[in-house]
């Protein structure tokens, strides 16, 4: 029997997985993914920017009382207080893509170009994970991952009681994308900005207003 070539292999598929849970204690328990920035919910902004990179889009949520978004499948977290490791594992199980774009639901300025770059370097270098590494910190919830490899690692980590996501990612020998690499795409690193507090929310509104003003000032 003739061996199959790479060209015969089925094409890989990509899922966008938005982790839209979280307790948001500093924001009065608000569902952060539904907070509006520039008149649009963060979740809608993320779908606009990252949806074109994916074959399916899903959001992991804590309750069923969410508005509908085009192309978005809502997945209910069965253990909403258990932390990011079981939440991410459940989301990955519900996804169908071979590759997942993983993003926290409180990041209003996620960059399509930044995620496309993460996709490229992960595939080109055969890494299980491509993730930003900025100021000595792995941005665990802004990553492109091999769904099966990360899910296996998460399940193994949970069986031994490991709950630190950055340790799990490190064990997979991730492709760490430096701040300099990202700045070539996103000079202000706004793709990594997240809304954790009222001050962050106010700053996000100012950034959105500034961006809108700049775009309007550009000649057609």
Protein backbone atom coordinates (compact mmCIF):
# COMPACT_ATOMS: atom_id res chain seq x y z
CA UNK A 1 0.00 0.00 0.00
CA UNK A 2 1.39 3.40 -0.92
CA UNK A 3 2.19 5.69 1.98
CA UNK A 4 0.22 8.89 2.31
CA UNK A 5 2.00 12.11 1.53
CA UNK A 6 1.58 15.37 3.44
CA UNK A 7 -0.62 16.57 0.60
CA UNK A 8 -3.01 13.67 1.27
CA UNK A 9 -3.45 14.59 4.93
CA UNK A 10 -6.70 16.32 5.84
CA UNK A 11 -6.31 20.07 6.36
CA UNK A 12 -6.06 21.22 9.95
CA UNK A 13 -8.88 23.23 11.45
CA UNK A 14 -8.72 26.14 13.86
CA UNK A 15 -10.95 27.07 16.78
CA UNK A 16 -11.13 30.41 18.54
CA UNK A 17 -11.65 29.75 22.25
CA UNK A 18 -12.57 32.80 24.34
CA UNK A 19 -12.46 32.26 28.10
CA UNK A 20 -15.28 34.60 29.07
CA UNK A 21 -15.74 33.52 32.68
CA UNK A 22 -13.88 34.98 35.63
CA UNK A 23 -15.23 36.51 38.80
CA UNK A 24 -14.33 40.16 38.06
CA UNK A 25 -14.37 41.04 41.75
CA UNK A 26 -12.75 44.44 41.11
CA UNK A 27 -15.51 45.26 38.63
CA UNK A 28 -18.43 44.35 40.84
CA UNK A 29 -18.83 40.86 39.41
CA UNK A 30 -19.53 42.13 35.88
CA UNK A 31 -19.22 39.76 32.96
CA UNK A 32 -16.10 41.39 31.58
CA UNK A 33 -16.48 40.06 28.04
CA UNK A 34 -19.74 42.04 27.79
CA UNK A 35 -18.30 45.33 29.01
CA UNK A 36 -18.51 47.92 26.25
CA UNK A 37 -15.44 49.67 24.86
CA UNK A 38 -16.19 52.36 22.32
CA UNK A 39 -19.81 51.25 22.26
CA UNK A 40 -19.02 47.58 21.50
CA UNK A 41 -18.80 44.62 23.89
CA UNK A 42 -15.29 43.22 24.26
CA UNK A 43 -16.55 39.85 23.04
CA UNK A 44 -17.84 41.41 19.83
CA UNK A 45 -14.53 43.18 19.24
CA UNK A 46 -12.65 39.92 19.72
CA UNK A 47 -14.89 38.07 17.27
CA UNK A 48 -14.39 40.80 14.67
CA UNK A 49 -10.62 40.64 14.96
CA UNK A 50 -9.90 36.96 15.56
CA UNK A 51 -12.92 35.27 14.02
CA UNK A 52 -11.49 35.47 10.47
CA UNK A 53 -8.54 33.33 11.62
CA UNK A 54 -10.76 30.47 12.81
CA UNK A 55 -13.13 27.86 11.42
CA UNK A 56 -15.28 28.00 14.56
CA UNK A 57 -15.65 30.39 17.50
CA UNK A 58 -16.70 29.43 21.00
CA UNK A 59 -16.81 31.16 24.36
CA UNK A 60 -16.64 29.45 27.73
CA UNK A 61 -19.14 31.17 30.06
CA UNK A 62 -20.36 30.77 33.63
CA UNK A 63 -24.09 31.02 32.98
CA UNK A 64 -26.56 30.66 30.15
CA UNK A 65 -27.89 34.25 30.24
CA UNK A 66 -25.73 35.62 27.43
CA UNK A 67 -26.75 37.49 24.30
CA UNK A 68 -26.28 35.83 20.92
CA UNK A 69 -23.35 36.72 18.69
CA UNK A 70 -22.97 35.69 15.07
CA UNK A 71 -20.77 32.61 14.58
CA UNK A 72 -20.32 32.18 18.33
CA UNK A 73 -21.12 28.95 20.18
CA UNK A 74 -21.53 29.33 23.94
CA UNK A 75 -20.17 26.57 26.16
CA UNK A 76 -21.20 26.44 29.81
CA UNK A 77 -18.40 25.85 32.31
CA UNK A 78 -19.54 23.02 34.62
CA UNK A 79 -17.09 24.12 37.34
CA UNK A 80 -17.12 27.92 37.21
CA UNK A 81 -15.19 28.40 40.45
CA UNK A 82 -12.52 25.76 39.83
CA UNK A 83 -9.95 28.03 38.18
CA UNK A 84 -8.36 28.48 34.75
CA UNK A 85 -6.87 24.99 34.33
CA UNK A 86 -10.15 23.00 34.42
CA UNK A 87 -11.90 25.82 32.54
CA UNK A 88 -9.38 25.71 29.72
CA UNK A 89 -9.47 21.91 29.63
CA UNK A 90 -13.26 21.92 29.28
CA UNK A 91 -13.11 24.54 26.54
CA UNK A 92 -10.53 22.54 24.61
CA UNK A 93 -12.67 19.40 24.88
CA UNK A 94 -15.61 21.28 23.39
CA UNK A 95 -13.58 22.74 20.53
CA UNK A 96 -13.21 20.84 17.27
CA UNK A 97 -10.10 22.48 15.83
CA UNK A 98 -6.71 20.84 15.73
CA UNK A 99 -5.30 24.26 16.63
CA UNK A 100 -6.86 26.67 19.12
CA UNK A 101 -6.48 30.41 19.48
CA UNK A 102 -6.90 30.90 23.22
CA UNK A 103 -7.73 34.36 24.55
CA UNK A 104 -9.11 35.78 27.78
CA UNK A 105 -12.46 37.50 27.42
CA UNK A 106 -11.23 40.76 28.95
CA UNK A 107 -8.77 41.72 26.19
CA UNK A 108 -10.45 44.43 24.06
CA UNK A 109 -7.56 45.18 21.71
CA UNK A 110 -6.47 41.71 20.61
CA UNK A 111 -4.55 41.95 17.36
CA UNK A 112 -5.36 39.76 14.39
CA UNK A 113 -1.83 40.28 13.08
CA UNK A 114 -0.32 39.24 16.43
CA UNK A 115 -2.34 36.03 16.53
CA UNK A 116 -1.54 35.31 12.88
CA UNK A 117 2.14 35.61 13.79
CA UNK A 118 1.70 33.22 16.72
CA UNK A 119 -0.04 30.78 14.36
CA UNK A 120 2.82 31.06 11.88
CA UNK A 121 5.70 30.52 14.29
CA UNK A 122 3.97 27.64 16.08
CA UNK A 123 3.36 25.81 12.81
CA UNK A 124 6.75 26.64 11.30
CA UNK A 125 8.68 25.43 14.35
CA UNK A 126 6.44 22.49 15.24
CA UNK A 127 5.76 23.77 18.75
CA UNK A 128 2.81 22.68 20.85
CA UNK A 129 2.29 26.26 22.00
CA UNK A 130 3.25 29.75 20.84
CA UNK A 131 2.76 32.37 23.53
CA UNK A 132 4.03 35.88 24.33
CA UNK A 133 6.75 36.14 26.95
CA UNK A 134 6.91 39.72 28.18
CA UNK A 135 8.69 41.14 31.24
CA UNK A 136 9.46 37.63 32.47
CA UNK A 137 5.83 36.55 32.32
CA UNK A 138 4.09 34.04 30.04
CA UNK A 139 0.81 35.50 28.74
CA UNK A 140 -0.95 32.15 29.13
CA UNK A 141 -4.36 33.33 27.93
CA UNK A 142 -3.10 34.89 24.70
CA UNK A 143 -1.78 31.83 22.91
CA UNK A 144 -2.00 29.53 19.91
CA UNK A 145 -1.92 25.88 20.89
CA UNK A 146 -2.11 22.34 19.62
CA UNK A 147 -5.47 21.39 21.11
CA UNK A 148 -4.66 17.73 21.70
CA UNK A 149 -1.18 18.29 23.12
CA UNK A 150 -2.30 20.97 25.55
CA UNK A 151 -5.39 19.03 26.60
CA UNK A 152 -3.28 15.97 27.38
CA UNK A 153 -0.88 18.15 29.40
CA UNK A 154 -3.75 19.77 31.31
CA UNK A 155 -5.30 16.41 32.16
CA UNK A 156 -1.95 15.06 33.36
CA UNK A 157 -1.33 18.19 35.42
CA UNK A 158 -4.73 17.99 37.09
CA UNK A 159 -4.10 14.37 38.05
CA UNK A 160 -1.00 15.46 39.97
CA UNK A 161 -2.62 18.56 41.46
CA UNK A 162 -0.83 21.18 39.34
CA UNK A 163 -3.01 24.28 38.98
CA UNK A 164 -0.49 26.80 37.61
CA UNK A 165 -1.11 27.20 33.93
CA UNK A 166 2.27 28.78 33.21
CA UNK A 167 4.02 25.70 34.62
CA UNK A 168 1.94 23.45 32.37
CA UNK A 169 2.81 25.51 29.32
CA UNK A 170 6.50 25.55 30.21
CA UNK A 171 6.51 21.75 30.37
CA UNK A 172 5.43 21.71 26.70
CA UNK A 173 8.56 23.67 25.67
CA UNK A 174 6.54 26.51 24.16
CA UNK A 175 7.72 28.87 21.47
CA UNK A 176 8.10 32.04 23.56
CA UNK A 177 7.42 35.13 21.48
CA UNK A 178 9.39 38.09 22.77
CA UNK A 179 8.14 41.62 23.35
CA UNK A 180 10.40 42.82 20.52
CA UNK A 181 8.79 40.38 18.08
CA UNK A 182 5.32 41.54 19.10
CA UNK A 183 6.25 45.23 19.00
CA UNK A 184 7.14 44.83 15.34
CA UNK A 185 3.44 44.07 14.83
CA UNK A 186 1.81 45.95 17.71
CA UNK A 187 4.15 48.73 18.92
CA UNK A 188 2.16 49.50 22.09
CA UNK A 189 1.51 45.80 22.88
CA UNK A 190 -2.17 46.63 23.16
CA UNK A 191 -3.04 43.09 22.15
CA UNK A 192 -2.03 42.10 25.71
CA UNK A 193 -4.07 44.79 27.47
CA UNK A 194 -6.76 43.41 29.73
CA UNK A 195 -9.52 44.98 31.79
CA UNK A 196 -9.23 44.04 35.44
CA UNK A 197 -10.34 47.20 37.23
CA UNK A 198 -12.38 50.38 36.78
CA UNK A 199 -9.12 52.19 35.99
CA UNK A 200 -8.36 49.68 33.21
CA UNK A 201 -11.86 50.15 31.83
CA UNK A 202 -11.46 53.93 31.76
CA UNK A 203 -8.08 53.61 30.06
CA UNK A 204 -9.53 51.24 27.47
CA UNK A 205 -12.22 53.81 26.67
CA UNK A 206 -9.56 56.49 26.19
CA UNK A 207 -7.52 54.23 23.91
CA UNK A 208 -10.61 53.37 21.87
CA UNK A 209 -11.56 57.04 21.53
CA UNK A 210 -8.01 57.96 20.52
CA UNK A 211 -7.91 55.19 17.92
CA UNK A 212 -11.26 56.25 16.49
CA UNK A 213 -10.12 59.88 16.31
CA UNK A 214 -6.87 58.88 14.59
CA UNK A 215 -8.70 56.76 12.02
CA UNK A 216 -11.12 59.58 11.22
CA UNK A 217 -8.22 61.99 10.72
CA UNK A 218 -6.55 59.76 8.11
CA UNK A 219 -7.19 60.70 4.50
CA UNK A 220 -9.42 58.31 2.57
